[in-house]
Amino acid sequence: MESPGRDLSRWALISIAAAVVTIALKTAAWQLTGSVGLLSDAAESVVNLVAAVIAFIALKIAARPPDARRNFGYFKSEYFAATIEGLMIAVVATVIIVSAVDRLAHPRELEQVGVGLLISVLASAVNGGVAVLLIRTGRRHRSMALEADGKHLMTDVWTTAGVIIGVGLVAVTGWLWLDAVVAIAVAVNILVIGFSLVRHSTAGLMDTAVPDEDLAAIEAVLNEFRSDEVEFHDVRTRVSGRHSFAQLHMLVPGAWLVQRSHDLAEEVESRLRGAVDGLVPTIHIEPVEDPRAYEPWRR
């Protein structure tokens, strides 16, 4: 696995390239057919391009090392990118719905449907491949920006699929209103995905605790070191982009030398880092005989 501070912006460049290609393809498909569904699909690809650029900038910022003003680094910049992408998805969905309603009121015949749909299928294949790549890479490297960008592209794939079905049905049945109805249905699905992205990224900005599986891994390590002399409590965690932070208290006999306590804390921290990718642990040492050492942090 790459270092949590590694620059992952090169992956966003793939998304930018894919957006440029699909914009050209989908615009051509719209101009050939005159379909409002294909027009909406092309509009979403424009937003994909803007979102990919935002992700690229956020990943560049997240790769910066900690400094005097940002002691814990710039990892949370990825959450801002994911939030913006979620909001942009919602804007696109709204535009699609408005265009579809207008087309319901003013239906029109479609032209060169076969060629237009073939071009759309090609564009969807490009987006689908890049979306899967970005989602997998984002999850592997704990990058919210990459995963959000991949999910954004995947919504484009579903949009195109729905539009292709709608336009195909219009060509077969002659029911012009189907073009607009399918576009509206796809837009509603996009709104749901956009809301999910915003909710997820907002949770990250609020210092959400690490996932249950990571917390279990932390407890498993601490259990290995617990004994009649050593205890741990007040374990607090938070997630910040690709990093996770854990702080806890380690209780040891007051008679222990500082060096012995420090050596044990270093060993525990090393094991914690090995158990949870990207974890930054901080241990506060307290004397086990002092009643104040057992006071909870929640007040």
Protein backbone atom coordinates (compact mmCIF):
# COMPACT_ATOMS: atom_id res chain seq x y z
CA MET A 1 0.00 0.00 0.00
CA GLU A 2 1.20 3.54 -0.76
CA SER A 3 2.06 5.94 1.99
CA PRO A 4 -0.99 7.89 3.25
CA GLY A 5 0.74 11.13 2.24
CA ARG A 6 1.55 9.98 -1.30
CA ASP A 7 0.37 12.15 -4.19
CA LEU A 8 -2.58 10.34 -5.83
CA SER A 9 -3.51 13.17 -8.18
CA ARG A 10 -2.28 11.22 -11.24
CA TRP A 11 -5.37 9.04 -10.94
CA ALA A 12 -7.57 12.12 -11.31
CA LEU A 13 -5.84 12.89 -14.61
CA ILE A 14 -7.32 9.65 -15.97
CA SER A 15 -10.78 10.91 -14.99
CA ILE A 16 -10.12 14.25 -16.70
CA ALA A 17 -9.08 12.49 -19.92
CA ALA A 18 -12.15 10.25 -19.80
CA ALA A 19 -14.44 13.27 -19.31
CA VAL A 20 -12.98 15.05 -22.35
CA VAL A 21 -13.48 11.97 -24.52
CA THR A 22 -17.05 11.34 -23.37
CA ILE A 23 -18.06 15.00 -23.77
CA ALA A 24 -17.04 14.83 -27.42
CA LEU A 25 -18.81 11.51 -28.00
CA LYS A 26 -22.05 12.39 -26.21
CA THR A 27 -22.29 15.82 -27.80
CA ALA A 28 -22.02 14.14 -31.19
CA ALA A 29 -24.75 11.64 -30.21
CA TRP A 30 -27.08 14.46 -29.09
CA GLN A 31 -26.54 16.48 -32.27
CA LEU A 32 -27.26 13.44 -34.42
CA THR A 33 -30.49 12.42 -32.65
CA GLY A 34 -31.89 15.57 -31.05
CA SER A 35 -32.74 13.52 -27.92
CA VAL A 36 -33.21 15.45 -24.68
CA GLY A 37 -31.99 12.37 -22.85
CA LEU A 38 -28.73 12.38 -24.77
CA LEU A 39 -28.43 16.15 -24.26
CA SER A 40 -28.76 15.64 -20.50
CA ASP A 41 -26.21 12.85 -20.68
CA ALA A 42 -23.74 15.16 -22.43
CA ALA A 43 -24.36 17.88 -19.83
CA GLU A 44 -23.50 15.47 -17.03
CA SER A 45 -20.18 14.70 -18.71
CA VAL A 46 -19.32 18.41 -18.61
CA VAL A 47 -19.91 18.32 -14.86
CA ASN A 48 -17.75 15.17 -14.70
CA LEU A 49 -14.90 17.18 -16.19
CA VAL A 50 -15.28 19.97 -13.65
CA ALA A 51 -15.53 17.44 -10.82
CA ALA A 52 -12.39 15.63 -12.01
CA VAL A 53 -10.47 18.89 -12.01
CA ILE A 54 -11.68 19.60 -8.47
CA ALA A 55 -10.59 16.12 -7.38
CA PHE A 56 -7.17 16.69 -8.96
CA ILE A 57 -6.70 19.94 -7.02
CA ALA A 58 -7.93 18.36 -3.76
CA LEU A 59 -5.54 15.41 -4.12
CA LYS A 60 -2.65 17.78 -4.77
CA ILE A 61 -3.50 19.69 -1.59
CA ALA A 62 -3.96 16.48 0.43
CA ALA A 63 -0.45 15.34 -0.53
CA ARG A 64 1.13 18.34 1.20
CA PRO A 65 3.10 17.45 4.35
CA PRO A 66 2.05 18.83 7.75
CA ASP A 67 3.34 22.34 8.46
CA ALA A 68 3.21 25.03 11.14
CA ARG A 69 -0.38 25.98 10.27
CA ARG A 70 -1.73 22.48 9.52
CA ASN A 71 -0.05 20.26 12.10
CA PHE A 72 -2.14 17.24 11.12
CA GLY A 73 -1.74 17.70 7.37
CA TYR A 74 -4.18 18.59 4.58
CA PHE A 75 -5.99 15.27 4.23
CA LYS A 76 -9.46 16.70 4.84
CA SER A 77 -9.31 18.63 1.58
CA GLU A 78 -10.56 15.42 -0.04
CA TYR A 79 -13.83 15.68 1.86
CA PHE A 80 -14.46 19.15 0.42
CA ALA A 81 -13.95 17.76 -3.09
CA ALA A 82 -16.40 14.92 -2.40
CA THR A 83 -18.98 17.36 -1.03
CA ILE A 84 -18.67 19.60 -4.10
CA GLU A 85 -19.04 16.59 -6.38
CA GLY A 86 -22.17 15.48 -4.55
CA LEU A 87 -23.70 18.94 -4.89
CA MET A 88 -22.76 19.11 -8.57
CA ILE A 89 -24.47 15.77 -9.17
CA ALA A 90 -27.62 17.25 -7.62
CA VAL A 91 -27.38 20.31 -9.91
CA VAL A 92 -27.03 18.08 -12.98
CA ALA A 93 -30.05 16.03 -11.95
CA THR A 94 -32.10 19.20 -11.58
CA VAL A 95 -31.08 20.41 -15.04
CA ILE A 96 -32.00 17.02 -16.52
CA ILE A 97 -35.45 17.14 -14.92
CA VAL A 98 -36.11 20.68 -16.18
CA SER A 99 -35.05 19.72 -19.73
CA ALA A 100 -37.15 16.55 -19.61
CA VAL A 101 -40.27 18.39 -18.44
CA ASP A 102 -39.83 20.88 -21.28
CA ARG A 103 -39.54 18.02 -23.75
CA LEU A 104 -42.73 16.44 -22.35
CA ALA A 105 -44.52 19.68 -23.19
CA HIS A 106 -42.86 19.95 -26.59
CA PRO A 107 -42.14 16.44 -27.98
CA ARG A 108 -40.09 16.04 -31.16
CA GLU A 109 -39.06 13.23 -33.47
CA LEU A 110 -35.61 11.68 -33.02
CA GLU A 111 -33.14 11.23 -35.89
CA GLN A 112 -30.30 8.78 -36.64
CA VAL A 113 -31.05 6.90 -33.42
CA GLY A 114 -28.88 3.87 -34.23
CA VAL A 115 -25.67 5.82 -34.73
CA GLY A 116 -26.38 8.05 -31.74
CA LEU A 117 -26.92 5.09 -29.42
CA LEU A 118 -23.77 3.35 -30.66
CA ILE A 119 -21.73 6.44 -29.81
CA SER A 120 -23.34 6.59 -26.36
CA VAL A 121 -22.50 2.95 -25.67
CA LEU A 122 -18.85 3.66 -26.51
CA ALA A 123 -18.80 6.67 -24.18
CA SER A 124 -20.40 4.62 -21.41
CA ALA A 125 -17.76 1.91 -21.78
CA VAL A 126 -15.01 4.50 -21.32
CA ASN A 127 -16.68 5.91 -18.20
CA GLY A 128 -17.42 2.49 -16.74
CA GLY A 129 -13.82 1.32 -17.00
CA VAL A 130 -12.43 4.50 -15.45
CA ALA A 131 -15.11 4.52 -12.71
CA VAL A 132 -14.25 0.99 -11.55
CA LEU A 133 -10.54 1.87 -11.55
CA LEU A 134 -11.04 5.03 -9.48
CA ILE A 135 -13.39 3.40 -6.95
CA ARG A 136 -11.02 0.50 -6.34
CA THR A 137 -8.00 2.80 -6.10
CA GLY A 138 -9.84 5.19 -3.78
CA ARG A 139 -10.82 2.39 -1.40
CA ARG A 140 -7.37 0.84 -1.48
CA HIS A 141 -5.67 4.13 -0.61
CA ARG A 142 -8.47 5.51 1.60
CA SER A 143 -8.99 8.45 -0.75
CA MET A 144 -12.45 9.98 -0.46
CA ALA A 145 -11.83 12.25 -3.46
CA LEU A 146 -10.92 9.39 -5.80
CA GLU A 147 -13.76 7.18 -4.61
CA ALA A 148 -16.25 10.05 -4.98
CA ASP A 149 -14.98 10.80 -8.47
CA GLY A 150 -15.34 7.14 -9.40
CA LYS A 151 -18.90 7.02 -8.05
CA HIS A 152 -19.66 10.21 -9.95
CA LEU A 153 -18.52 8.56 -13.18
CA MET A 154 -20.54 5.46 -12.34
CA THR A 155 -23.68 7.61 -12.10
CA ASP A 156 -22.87 8.73 -15.63
CA VAL A 157 -22.80 5.09 -16.73
CA TRP A 158 -26.26 4.49 -15.27
CA THR A 159 -27.48 7.72 -16.81
CA THR A 160 -26.31 6.62 -20.23
CA ALA A 161 -27.85 3.17 -19.78
CA GLY A 162 -31.21 4.68 -18.91
CA VAL A 163 -31.04 7.13 -21.79
CA ILE A 164 -30.13 4.38 -24.27
CA ILE A 165 -33.12 2.33 -23.12
CA GLY A 166 -35.41 5.34 -23.36
CA VAL A 167 -34.24 6.45 -26.78
CA GLY A 168 -34.36 2.86 -28.04
CA LEU A 169 -37.95 2.48 -26.85
CA VAL A 170 -38.89 5.76 -28.51
CA ALA A 171 -37.47 4.50 -31.81
CA VAL A 172 -39.35 1.19 -31.52
CA THR A 173 -42.72 2.41 -30.20
CA GLY A 174 -42.89 5.97 -31.49
CA TRP A 175 -43.86 7.15 -28.00
CA LEU A 176 -41.90 10.41 -27.85
CA TRP A 177 -42.72 11.04 -24.20
CA LEU A 178 -40.62 8.02 -23.15
CA ASP A 179 -37.42 9.96 -23.87
CA ALA A 180 -38.30 12.54 -21.21
CA VAL A 181 -39.72 10.06 -18.68
CA VAL A 182 -36.58 7.92 -18.68
CA ALA A 183 -34.43 11.06 -18.31
CA ILE A 184 -36.44 12.04 -15.21
CA ALA A 185 -36.11 8.55 -13.70
CA VAL A 186 -32.36 8.59 -14.17
CA ALA A 187 -32.16 12.09 -12.66
CA VAL A 188 -33.91 10.89 -9.49
CA ASN A 189 -31.36 8.07 -9.17
CA ILE A 190 -28.53 10.59 -9.59
CA LEU A 191 -30.01 12.75 -6.82
CA VAL A 192 -29.93 9.79 -4.41
CA ILE A 193 -26.26 9.10 -5.18
CA GLY A 194 -25.36 12.77 -4.83
CA PHE A 195 -27.05 12.92 -1.43
CA SER A 196 -25.10 9.84 -0.32
CA LEU A 197 -21.80 11.45 -1.31
CA VAL A 198 -22.57 14.65 0.58
CA ARG A 199 -23.66 12.72 3.69
CA HIS A 200 -20.50 10.60 3.66
CA SER A 201 -18.11 13.50 3.16
CA THR A 202 -19.87 15.65 5.78
CA ALA A 203 -19.44 12.84 8.31
CA GLY A 204 -15.70 12.90 7.61
CA LEU A 205 -15.52 16.63 8.28
CA MET A 206 -17.13 16.01 11.68
CA ASP A 207 -14.25 13.75 12.85
CA THR A 208 -16.15 10.48 12.70
CA ALA A 209 -14.64 7.54 14.60
CA VAL A 210 -12.78 4.83 12.70
CA PRO A 211 -14.86 1.94 11.26
CA ASP A 212 -15.81 -0.90 13.61
CA GLU A 213 -13.31 -3.29 12.01
CA ASP A 214 -10.43 -0.86 12.63
CA LEU A 215 -11.56 -0.29 16.21
CA ALA A 216 -11.64 -4.07 16.74
CA ALA A 217 -8.10 -4.31 15.37
CA ILE A 218 -6.97 -1.61 17.81
CA GLU A 219 -8.58 -3.41 20.76
CA ALA A 220 -6.98 -6.70 19.69
CA VAL A 221 -3.53 -5.12 19.84
CA LEU A 222 -4.20 -3.55 23.24
CA ASN A 223 -5.41 -6.89 24.61
CA GLU A 224 -2.04 -8.39 23.72
CA PHE A 225 -0.32 -5.94 26.06
CA ARG A 226 -2.83 -5.92 28.90
CA SER A 227 -1.57 -7.57 32.11
CA ASP A 228 -1.70 -7.28 35.89
CA GLU A 229 0.54 -4.22 35.56
CA VAL A 230 -0.59 -2.64 32.30
CA GLU A 231 -4.04 -1.36 31.32
CA PHE A 232 -5.49 0.91 28.62
CA HIS A 233 -8.55 3.15 28.55
CA ASP A 234 -10.05 6.30 27.04
CA VAL A 235 -9.49 5.15 23.47
CA ARG A 236 -10.60 7.91 21.10
CA THR A 237 -10.37 7.78 17.32
CA ARG A 238 -11.12 9.94 14.30
CA VAL A 239 -10.74 9.69 10.55
CA SER A 240 -9.14 12.47 8.52
CA GLY A 241 -8.90 11.69 4.82
CA ARG A 242 -6.42 8.87 4.32
CA HIS A 243 -5.23 9.08 7.92
CA SER A 244 -6.82 7.73 11.09
CA PHE A 245 -5.89 9.06 14.52
CA ALA A 246 -6.12 7.22 17.84
CA GLN A 247 -5.30 8.56 21.27
CA LEU A 248 -5.45 6.54 24.46
CA HIS A 249 -4.18 6.28 28.01
CA MET A 250 -1.76 3.57 29.12
CA LEU A 251 -1.72 2.85 32.84
CA VAL A 252 1.54 1.43 34.29
CA PRO A 253 2.98 1.10 37.81
CA GLY A 254 4.19 4.44 39.16
CA ALA A 255 7.46 2.84 40.19
CA TRP A 256 8.41 2.09 36.57
CA LEU A 257 11.26 4.12 35.12
CA VAL A 258 10.30 6.63 32.44
CA GLN A 259 12.45 4.71 29.97
CA ARG A 260 10.57 1.46 30.56
CA SER A 261 7.18 3.13 30.17
CA HIS A 262 8.35 4.92 27.04
CA ASP A 263 9.73 1.74 25.47
CA LEU A 264 6.44 -0.07 26.04
CA ALA A 265 4.45 2.82 24.58
CA GLU A 266 6.69 2.81 21.50
CA GLU A 267 6.11 -0.91 21.05
CA VAL A 268 2.33 -0.57 21.39
CA GLU A 269 2.25 2.31 18.91
CA SER A 270 4.31 0.32 16.42
CA ARG A 271 1.92 -2.64 16.66
CA LEU A 272 -1.10 -0.34 16.25
CA ARG A 273 0.35 1.19 13.10
CA GLY A 274 0.89 -2.28 11.70
CA ALA A 275 -2.67 -3.36 12.53
CA VAL A 276 -4.49 -0.39 10.95
CA ASP A 277 -3.30 1.20 7.70
CA GLY A 278 -2.67 4.93 7.98
CA LEU A 279 -3.18 5.02 11.78
CA VAL A 280 -1.37 7.68 13.82
CA PRO A 281 -1.51 6.61 17.50
CA THR A 282 -0.75 8.80 20.52
CA ILE A 283 -0.37 7.27 23.98
CA HIS A 284 -0.56 9.16 27.27
CA ILE A 285 1.13 7.35 30.15
CA GLU A 286 -0.43 7.45 33.63
CA PRO A 287 0.35 5.76 36.98
CA VAL A 288 -1.99 2.88 37.63
CA GLU A 289 -2.23 3.77 41.36
CA ASP A 290 -3.55 7.31 40.76
CA PRO A 291 -7.39 7.51 40.90
CA ARG A 292 -7.29 10.44 38.47
CA ALA A 293 -5.96 8.08 35.80
CA TYR A 294 -9.37 6.40 35.64
CA GLU A 295 -11.41 9.53 35.06
CA PRO A 296 -13.30 9.28 31.73
CA TRP A 297 -12.75 11.93 29.05
CA ARG A 298 -16.51 12.19 28.40
CA ARG A 299 -17.94 14.89 30.63
